Amino acid sequence: MRVQELVARSSAQRDAIIASARPLLQTVEAPDRILGFVRRHPLPLAMGVLALVLLGPRKAVTTASRALSLFALLRTLRD
């Protein structure tokens, strides 16, 4: 075989591998984004987990909802 034939064959095989891996990449895309967010923002995530542990899920969600409403109100008053 000549070098050009080998290069063409290798390119076709590479394209086939990429095409067959595409569904796998789409499956892993969402967890990868979540992990990236966790790595970029560890403090807010730790605070949320701590709130869940200390307050319990129901009270933590209620408190977070009130805090978010207060934040939105203060933000509109500032603007």
PDB file of N, CA and C in Angstrom:
ATOM      1  N   MET A   1       0.841  -1.186   0.000  1.00  0.00           N
ATOM      2  CA  MET A   1       0.000   0.000   0.000  1.00  0.00           C
ATOM      3  C   MET A   1       0.882   1.243   0.000  1.00  0.00           C
ATOM      4  N   ARG A   2       0.380   2.238  -0.649  1.00  0.00           N
ATOM      5  CA  ARG A   2       1.123   3.486  -0.678  1.00  0.00           C
ATOM      6  C   ARG A   2       0.714   4.353   0.494  1.00  0.00           C
ATOM      7  N   VAL A   3       1.519   5.321   0.776  1.00  0.00           N
ATOM      8  CA  VAL A   3       1.294   6.191   1.925  1.00  0.00           C
ATOM      9  C   VAL A   3      -0.032   6.932   1.784  1.00  0.00           C
ATOM     10  N   GLN A   4      -0.351   7.393   0.604  1.00  0.00           N
ATOM     11  CA  GLN A   4      -1.603   8.132   0.401  1.00  0.00           C
ATOM     12  C   GLN A   4      -2.810   7.246   0.685  1.00  0.00           C
ATOM     13  N   GLU A   5      -2.741   5.976   0.297  1.00  0.00           N
ATOM     14  CA  GLU A   5      -3.844   5.055   0.561  1.00  0.00           C
ATOM     15  C   GLU A   5      -3.996   4.812   2.064  1.00  0.00           C
ATOM     16  N   LEU A   6      -2.876   4.691   2.756  1.00  0.00           N
ATOM     17  CA  LEU A   6      -2.916   4.490   4.206  1.00  0.00           C
ATOM     18  C   LEU A   6      -3.493   5.710   4.914  1.00  0.00           C
ATOM     19  N   VAL A   7      -3.111   6.886   4.466  1.00  0.00           N
ATOM     20  CA  VAL A   7      -3.628   8.117   5.063  1.00  0.00           C
ATOM     21  C   VAL A   7      -5.134   8.218   4.827  1.00  0.00           C
ATOM     22  N   ALA A   8      -5.596   7.895   3.634  1.00  0.00           N
ATOM     23  CA  ALA A   8      -7.029   7.949   3.327  1.00  0.00           C
ATOM     24  C   ALA A   8      -7.787   6.921   4.161  1.00  0.00           C
ATOM     25  N   ARG A   9      -7.235   5.729   4.288  1.00  0.00           N
ATOM     26  CA  ARG A   9      -7.872   4.676   5.082  1.00  0.00           C
ATOM     27  C   ARG A   9      -7.940   5.067   6.557  1.00  0.00           C
ATOM     28  N   SER A  10      -6.854   5.641   7.052  1.00  0.00           N
ATOM     29  CA  SER A  10      -6.816   6.094   8.442  1.00  0.00           C
ATOM     30  C   SER A  10      -7.841   7.194   8.685  1.00  0.00           C
ATOM     31  N   SER A  11      -7.971   8.092   7.746  1.00  0.00           N
ATOM     32  CA  SER A  11      -8.939   9.181   7.874  1.00  0.00           C
ATOM     33  C   SER A  11     -10.368   8.634   7.906  1.00  0.00           C
ATOM     34  N   ALA A  12     -10.654   7.653   7.069  1.00  0.00           N
ATOM     35  CA  ALA A  12     -11.994   7.057   7.051  1.00  0.00           C
ATOM     36  C   ALA A  12     -12.282   6.343   8.369  1.00  0.00           C
ATOM     37  N   GLN A  13     -11.291   5.640   8.893  1.00  0.00           N
ATOM     38  CA  GLN A  13     -11.475   4.954  10.174  1.00  0.00           C
ATOM     39  C   GLN A  13     -11.687   5.959  11.302  1.00  0.00           C
ATOM     40  N   ARG A  14     -10.952   7.041  11.292  1.00  0.00           N
ATOM     41  CA  ARG A  14     -11.096   8.076  12.313  1.00  0.00           C
ATOM     42  C   ARG A  14     -12.501   8.669  12.264  1.00  0.00           C
ATOM     43  N   ASP A  15     -13.001   8.941  11.067  1.00  0.00           N
ATOM     44  CA  ASP A  15     -14.359   9.479  10.921  1.00  0.00           C
ATOM     45  C   ASP A  15     -15.407   8.495  11.438  1.00  0.00           C
ATOM     46  N   ALA A  16     -15.193   7.196  11.185  1.00  0.00           N
ATOM     47  CA  ALA A  16     -16.135   6.185  11.658  1.00  0.00           C
ATOM     48  C   ALA A  16     -16.135   6.111  13.180  1.00  0.00           C
ATOM     49  N   ILE A  17     -14.963   6.206  13.790  1.00  0.00           N
ATOM     50  CA  ILE A  17     -14.872   6.181  15.255  1.00  0.00           C
ATOM     51  C   ILE A  17     -15.576   7.387  15.853  1.00  0.00           C
ATOM     52  N   ILE A  18     -15.360   8.551  15.281  1.00  0.00           N
ATOM     53  CA  ILE A  18     -16.003   9.769  15.784  1.00  0.00           C
ATOM     54  C   ILE A  18     -17.518   9.674  15.646  1.00  0.00           C
ATOM     55  N   ALA A  19     -17.992   9.151  14.517  1.00  0.00           N
ATOM     56  CA  ALA A  19     -19.435   9.019  14.310  1.00  0.00           C
ATOM     57  C   ALA A  19     -20.048   8.036  15.306  1.00  0.00           C
ATOM     58  N   SER A  20     -19.349   6.956  15.604  1.00  0.00           N
ATOM     59  CA  SER A  20     -19.910   5.979  16.540  1.00  0.00           C
ATOM     60  C   SER A  20     -19.832   6.462  17.987  1.00  0.00           C
ATOM     61  N   ALA A  21     -18.925   7.387  18.293  1.00  0.00           N
ATOM     62  CA  ALA A  21     -18.781   7.894  19.658  1.00  0.00           C
ATOM     63  C   ALA A  21     -19.702   9.071  19.945  1.00  0.00           C
ATOM     64  N   ARG A  22     -20.306   9.643  18.930  1.00  0.00           N
ATOM     65  CA  ARG A  22     -21.142  10.837  19.113  1.00  0.00           C
ATOM     66  C   ARG A  22     -22.284  10.624  20.112  1.00  0.00           C
ATOM     67  N   PRO A  23     -23.054   9.517  20.069  1.00  0.00           N
ATOM     68  CA  PRO A  23     -24.112   9.325  21.084  1.00  0.00           C
ATOM     69  C   PRO A  23     -23.553   9.248  22.501  1.00  0.00           C
ATOM     70  N   LEU A  24     -22.399   8.632  22.654  1.00  0.00           N
ATOM     71  CA  LEU A  24     -21.778   8.554  23.970  1.00  0.00           C
ATOM     72  C   LEU A  24     -21.395   9.940  24.470  1.00  0.00           C
ATOM     73  N   LEU A  25     -20.866  10.757  23.587  1.00  0.00           N
ATOM     74  CA  LEU A  25     -20.482  12.118  23.978  1.00  0.00           C
ATOM     75  C   LEU A  25     -21.701  12.943  24.383  1.00  0.00           C
ATOM     76  N   GLN A  26     -22.823  12.754  23.701  1.00  0.00           N
ATOM     77  CA  GLN A  26     -24.038  13.484  24.060  1.00  0.00           C
ATOM     78  C   GLN A  26     -24.567  13.029  25.417  1.00  0.00           C
ATOM     79  N   THR A  27     -24.385  11.753  25.740  1.00  0.00           N
ATOM     80  CA  THR A  27     -24.835  11.237  27.027  1.00  0.00           C
ATOM     81  C   THR A  27     -24.012  11.814  28.168  1.00  0.00           C
ATOM     82  N   VAL A  28     -22.742  12.031  27.940  1.00  0.00           N
ATOM     83  CA  VAL A  28     -21.847  12.494  28.995  1.00  0.00           C
ATOM     84  C   VAL A  28     -21.819  14.020  29.087  1.00  0.00           C
ATOM     85  N   GLU A  29     -22.449  14.694  28.148  1.00  0.00           N
ATOM     86  CA  GLU A  29     -22.380  16.152  28.092  1.00  0.00           C
ATOM     87  C   GLU A  29     -23.002  16.828  29.317  1.00  0.00           C
ATOM     88  N   ALA A  30     -24.188  16.420  29.734  1.00  0.00           N
ATOM     89  CA  ALA A  30     -24.865  17.060  30.872  1.00  0.00           C
ATOM     90  C   ALA A  30     -24.107  16.856  32.182  1.00  0.00           C
ATOM     91  N   PRO A  31     -23.704  15.637  32.528  1.00  0.00           N
ATOM     92  CA  PRO A  31     -22.922  15.495  33.770  1.00  0.00           C
ATOM     93  C   PRO A  31     -21.610  16.270  33.734  1.00  0.00           C
ATOM     94  N   ASP A  32     -21.028  16.395  32.557  1.00  0.00           N
ATOM     95  CA  ASP A  32     -19.785  17.152  32.438  1.00  0.00           C
ATOM     96  C   ASP A  32     -20.011  18.634  32.730  1.00  0.00           C
ATOM     97  N   ARG A  33     -21.140  19.177  32.250  1.00  0.00           N
ATOM     98  CA  ARG A  33     -21.460  20.581  32.547  1.00  0.00           C
ATOM     99  C   ARG A  33     -21.708  20.784  34.029  1.00  0.00           C
ATOM    100  N   ILE A  34     -22.408  19.840  34.666  1.00  0.00           N
ATOM    101  CA  ILE A  34     -22.674  19.938  36.105  1.00  0.00           C
ATOM    102  C   ILE A  34     -21.374  19.893  36.886  1.00  0.00           C
ATOM    103  N   LEU A  35     -20.500  18.976  36.515  1.00  0.00           N
ATOM    104  CA  LEU A  35     -19.211  18.874  37.200  1.00  0.00           C
ATOM    105  C   LEU A  35     -18.381  20.138  37.001  1.00  0.00           C
ATOM    106  N   GLY A  36     -18.435  20.718  35.819  1.00  0.00           N
ATOM    107  CA  GLY A  36     -17.734  21.972  35.567  1.00  0.00           C
ATOM    108  C   GLY A  36     -18.258  23.101  36.436  1.00  0.00           C
ATOM    109  N   PHE A  37     -19.589  23.161  36.605  1.00  0.00           N
ATOM    110  CA  PHE A  37     -20.184  24.182  37.474  1.00  0.00           C
ATOM    111  C   PHE A  37     -19.727  23.991  38.912  1.00  0.00           C
ATOM    112  N   VAL A  38     -19.713  22.740  39.373  1.00  0.00           N
ATOM    113  CA  VAL A  38     -19.294  22.454  40.747  1.00  0.00           C
ATOM    114  C   VAL A  38     -17.837  22.861  40.957  1.00  0.00           C
ATOM    115  N   ARG A  39     -17.007  22.612  39.969  1.00  0.00           N
ATOM    116  CA  ARG A  39     -15.589  22.982  40.092  1.00  0.00           C
ATOM    117  C   ARG A  39     -15.383  24.496  40.080  1.00  0.00           C
ATOM    118  N   ARG A  40     -16.213  25.208  39.327  1.00  0.00           N
ATOM    119  CA  ARG A  40     -16.067  26.669  39.258  1.00  0.00           C
ATOM    120  C   ARG A  40     -16.670  27.370  40.468  1.00  0.00           C
ATOM    121  N   HIS A  41     -17.715  26.779  41.072  1.00  0.00           N
ATOM    122  CA  HIS A  41     -18.432  27.422  42.175  1.00  0.00           C
ATOM    123  C   HIS A  41     -18.578  26.485  43.372  1.00  0.00           C
ATOM    124  N   PRO A  42     -17.503  26.124  44.028  1.00  0.00           N
ATOM    125  CA  PRO A  42     -17.634  25.172  45.138  1.00  0.00           C
ATOM    126  C   PRO A  42     -18.270  25.785  46.387  1.00  0.00           C
ATOM    127  N   LEU A  43     -18.044  27.064  46.647  1.00  0.00           N
ATOM    128  CA  LEU A  43     -18.566  27.685  47.863  1.00  0.00           C
ATOM    129  C   LEU A  43     -20.098  27.756  47.887  1.00  0.00           C
ATOM    130  N   PRO A  44     -20.755  28.263  46.842  1.00  0.00           N
ATOM    131  CA  PRO A  44     -22.226  28.263  46.879  1.00  0.00           C
ATOM    132  C   PRO A  44     -22.814  26.854  46.998  1.00  0.00           C
ATOM    133  N   LEU A  45     -22.190  25.902  46.359  1.00  0.00           N
ATOM    134  CA  LEU A  45     -22.681  24.531  46.458  1.00  0.00           C
ATOM    135  C   LEU A  45     -22.530  24.012  47.884  1.00  0.00           C
ATOM    136  N   ALA A  46     -21.393  24.283  48.504  1.00  0.00           N
ATOM    137  CA  ALA A  46     -21.175  23.845  49.887  1.00  0.00           C
ATOM    138  C   ALA A  46     -22.164  24.521  50.827  1.00  0.00           C
ATOM    139  N   MET A  47     -22.462  25.789  50.582  1.00  0.00           N
ATOM    140  CA  MET A  47     -23.429  26.495  51.420  1.00  0.00           C
ATOM    141  C   MET A  47     -24.822  25.881  51.267  1.00  0.00           C
ATOM    142  N   GLY A  48     -25.185  25.500  50.056  1.00  0.00           N
ATOM    143  CA  GLY A  48     -26.478  24.866  49.827  1.00  0.00           C
ATOM    144  C   GLY A  48     -26.588  23.520  50.520  1.00  0.00           C
ATOM    145  N   VAL A  49     -25.525  22.733  50.449  1.00  0.00           N
ATOM    146  CA  VAL A  49     -25.526  21.434  51.125  1.00  0.00           C
ATOM    147  C   VAL A  49     -25.604  21.630  52.638  1.00  0.00           C
ATOM    148  N   LEU A  50     -24.866  22.595  53.163  1.00  0.00           N
ATOM    149  CA  LEU A  50     -24.894  22.884  54.589  1.00  0.00           C
ATOM    150  C   LEU A  50     -26.298  23.311  55.029  1.00  0.00           C
ATOM    151  N   ALA A  51     -26.956  24.141  54.216  1.00  0.00           N
ATOM    152  CA  ALA A  51     -28.325  24.562  54.532  1.00  0.00           C
ATOM    153  C   ALA A  51     -29.269  23.365  54.553  1.00  0.00           C
ATOM    154  N   LEU A  52     -29.106  22.451  53.602  1.00  0.00           N
ATOM    155  CA  LEU A  52     -29.943  21.255  53.594  1.00  0.00           C
ATOM    156  C   LEU A  52     -29.726  20.414  54.847  1.00  0.00           C
ATOM    157  N   VAL A  53     -28.486  20.300  55.272  1.00  0.00           N
ATOM    158  CA  VAL A  53     -28.176  19.481  56.445  1.00  0.00           C
ATOM    159  C   VAL A  53     -28.709  20.139  57.713  1.00  0.00           C
ATOM    160  N   LEU A  54     -28.484  21.446  57.851  1.00  0.00           N
ATOM    161  CA  LEU A  54     -28.877  22.127  59.082  1.00  0.00           C
ATOM    162  C   LEU A  54     -30.382  22.377  59.178  1.00  0.00           C
ATOM    163  N   LEU A  55     -31.000  22.765  58.077  1.00  0.00           N
ATOM    164  CA  LEU A  55     -32.408  23.151  58.109  1.00  0.00           C
ATOM    165  C   LEU A  55     -33.362  22.032  57.715  1.00  0.00           C
ATOM    166  N   GLY A  56     -32.902  21.092  56.953  1.00  0.00           N
ATOM    167  CA  GLY A  56     -33.794  20.076  56.401  1.00  0.00           C
ATOM    168  C   GLY A  56     -34.274  20.551  55.040  1.00  0.00           C
ATOM    169  N   PRO A  57     -34.676  19.636  54.189  1.00  0.00           N
ATOM    170  CA  PRO A  57     -35.016  20.004  52.810  1.00  0.00           C
ATOM    171  C   PRO A  57     -36.176  20.985  52.687  1.00  0.00           C
ATOM    172  N   ARG A  58     -37.249  20.777  53.416  1.00  0.00           N
ATOM    173  CA  ARG A  58     -38.428  21.636  53.259  1.00  0.00           C
ATOM    174  C   ARG A  58     -38.127  23.067  53.694  1.00  0.00           C
ATOM    175  N   LYS A  59     -37.517  23.218  54.869  1.00  0.00           N
ATOM    176  CA  LYS A  59     -37.229  24.551  55.377  1.00  0.00           C
ATOM    177  C   LYS A  59     -36.141  25.228  54.542  1.00  0.00           C
ATOM    178  N   ALA A  60     -35.187  24.458  54.032  1.00  0.00           N
ATOM    179  CA  ALA A  60     -34.126  25.030  53.196  1.00  0.00           C
ATOM    180  C   ALA A  60     -34.704  25.597  51.906  1.00  0.00           C
ATOM    181  N   VAL A  61     -35.650  24.880  51.300  1.00  0.00           N
ATOM    182  CA  VAL A  61     -36.273  25.367  50.067  1.00  0.00           C
ATOM    183  C   VAL A  61     -37.101  26.616  50.347  1.00  0.00           C
ATOM    184  N   THR A  62     -37.840  26.629  51.452  1.00  0.00           N
ATOM    185  CA  THR A  62     -38.637  27.806  51.823  1.00  0.00           C
ATOM    186  C   THR A  62     -37.737  29.013  52.064  1.00  0.00           C
ATOM    187  N   THR A  63     -36.655  28.802  52.803  1.00  0.00           N
ATOM    188  CA  THR A  63     -35.724  29.893  53.091  1.00  0.00           C
ATOM    189  C   THR A  63     -35.058  30.390  51.815  1.00  0.00           C
ATOM    190  N   ALA A  64     -34.656  29.480  50.943  1.00  0.00           N
ATOM    191  CA  ALA A  64     -34.022  29.867  49.682  1.00  0.00           C
ATOM    192  C   ALA A  64     -34.994  30.651  48.803  1.00  0.00           C
ATOM    193  N   SER A  65     -36.258  30.251  48.809  1.00  0.00           N
ATOM    194  CA  SER A  65     -37.262  30.957  48.026  1.00  0.00           C
ATOM    195  C   SER A  65     -37.449  32.380  48.538  1.00  0.00           C
ATOM    196  N   ARG A  66     -37.508  32.526  49.849  1.00  0.00           N
ATOM    197  CA  ARG A  66     -37.639  33.872  50.427  1.00  0.00           C
ATOM    198  C   ARG A  66     -36.405  34.720  50.146  1.00  0.00           C
ATOM    199  N   ALA A  67     -35.235  34.112  50.262  1.00  0.00           N
ATOM    200  CA  ALA A  67     -33.992  34.848  49.999  1.00  0.00           C
ATOM    201  C   ALA A  67     -33.918  35.290  48.546  1.00  0.00           C
ATOM    202  N   LEU A  68     -34.353  34.419  47.636  1.00  0.00           N
ATOM    203  CA  LEU A  68     -34.341  34.772  46.214  1.00  0.00           C
ATOM    204  C   LEU A  68     -35.324  35.903  45.926  1.00  0.00           C
ATOM    205  N   SER A  69     -36.485  35.872  46.561  1.00  0.00           N
ATOM    206  CA  SER A  69     -37.464  36.956  46.390  1.00  0.00           C
ATOM    207  C   SER A  69     -36.909  38.278  46.916  1.00  0.00           C
ATOM    208  N   LEU A  70     -36.268  38.228  48.082  1.00  0.00           N
ATOM    209  CA  LEU A  70     -35.667  39.430  48.659  1.00  0.00           C
ATOM    210  C   LEU A  70     -34.547  39.963  47.766  1.00  0.00           C
ATOM    211  N   PHE A  71     -33.741  39.069  47.236  1.00  0.00           N
ATOM    212  CA  PHE A  71     -32.656  39.470  46.336  1.00  0.00           C
ATOM    213  C   PHE A  71     -33.211  40.146  45.083  1.00  0.00           C
ATOM    214  N   ALA A  72     -34.268  39.563  44.508  1.00  0.00           N
ATOM    215  CA  ALA A  72     -34.870  40.153  43.304  1.00  0.00           C
ATOM    216  C   ALA A  72     -35.466  41.520  43.607  1.00  0.00           C
ATOM    217  N   LEU A  73     -36.097  41.668  44.771  1.00  0.00           N
ATOM    218  CA  LEU A  73     -36.676  42.948  45.166  1.00  0.00           C
ATOM    219  C   LEU A  73     -35.592  44.001  45.340  1.00  0.00           C
ATOM    220  N   LEU A  74     -34.538  43.652  46.054  1.00  0.00           N
ATOM    221  CA  LEU A  74     -33.453  44.598  46.262  1.00  0.00           C
ATOM    222  C   LEU A  74     -32.761  44.961  44.954  1.00  0.00           C
ATOM    223  N   ARG A  75     -32.668  44.028  44.074  1.00  0.00           N
ATOM    224  CA  ARG A  75     -32.020  44.293  42.786  1.00  0.00           C
ATOM    225  C   ARG A  75     -32.858  45.267  41.948  1.00  0.00           C
ATOM    226  N   THR A  76     -34.198  45.129  41.993  1.00  0.00           N
ATOM    227  CA  THR A  76     -35.041  46.062  41.245  1.00  0.00           C
ATOM    228  C   THR A  76     -35.032  47.447  41.874  1.00  0.00           C
ATOM    229  N   LEU A  77     -34.939  47.511  43.196  1.00  0.00           N
ATOM    230  CA  LEU A  77     -34.886  48.816  43.842  1.00  0.00           C
ATOM    231  C   LEU A  77     -33.571  49.527  43.546  1.00  0.00           C
ATOM    232  N   ARG A  78     -32.506  48.765  43.403  1.00  0.00           N
ATOM    233  CA  ARG A  78     -31.195  49.340  43.109  1.00  0.00           C
ATOM    234  C   ARG A  78     -31.144  49.935  41.721  1.00  0.00           C
ATOM    235  N   ASP A  79     -31.818  49.285  40.772  1.00  0.00           N
ATOM    236  CA  ASP A  79     -31.795  49.748  39.372  1.00  0.00           C
ATOM    237  C   ASP A  79     -32.755  50.854  39.174  1.00  0.00           C
TER     238      ASP A  79
END
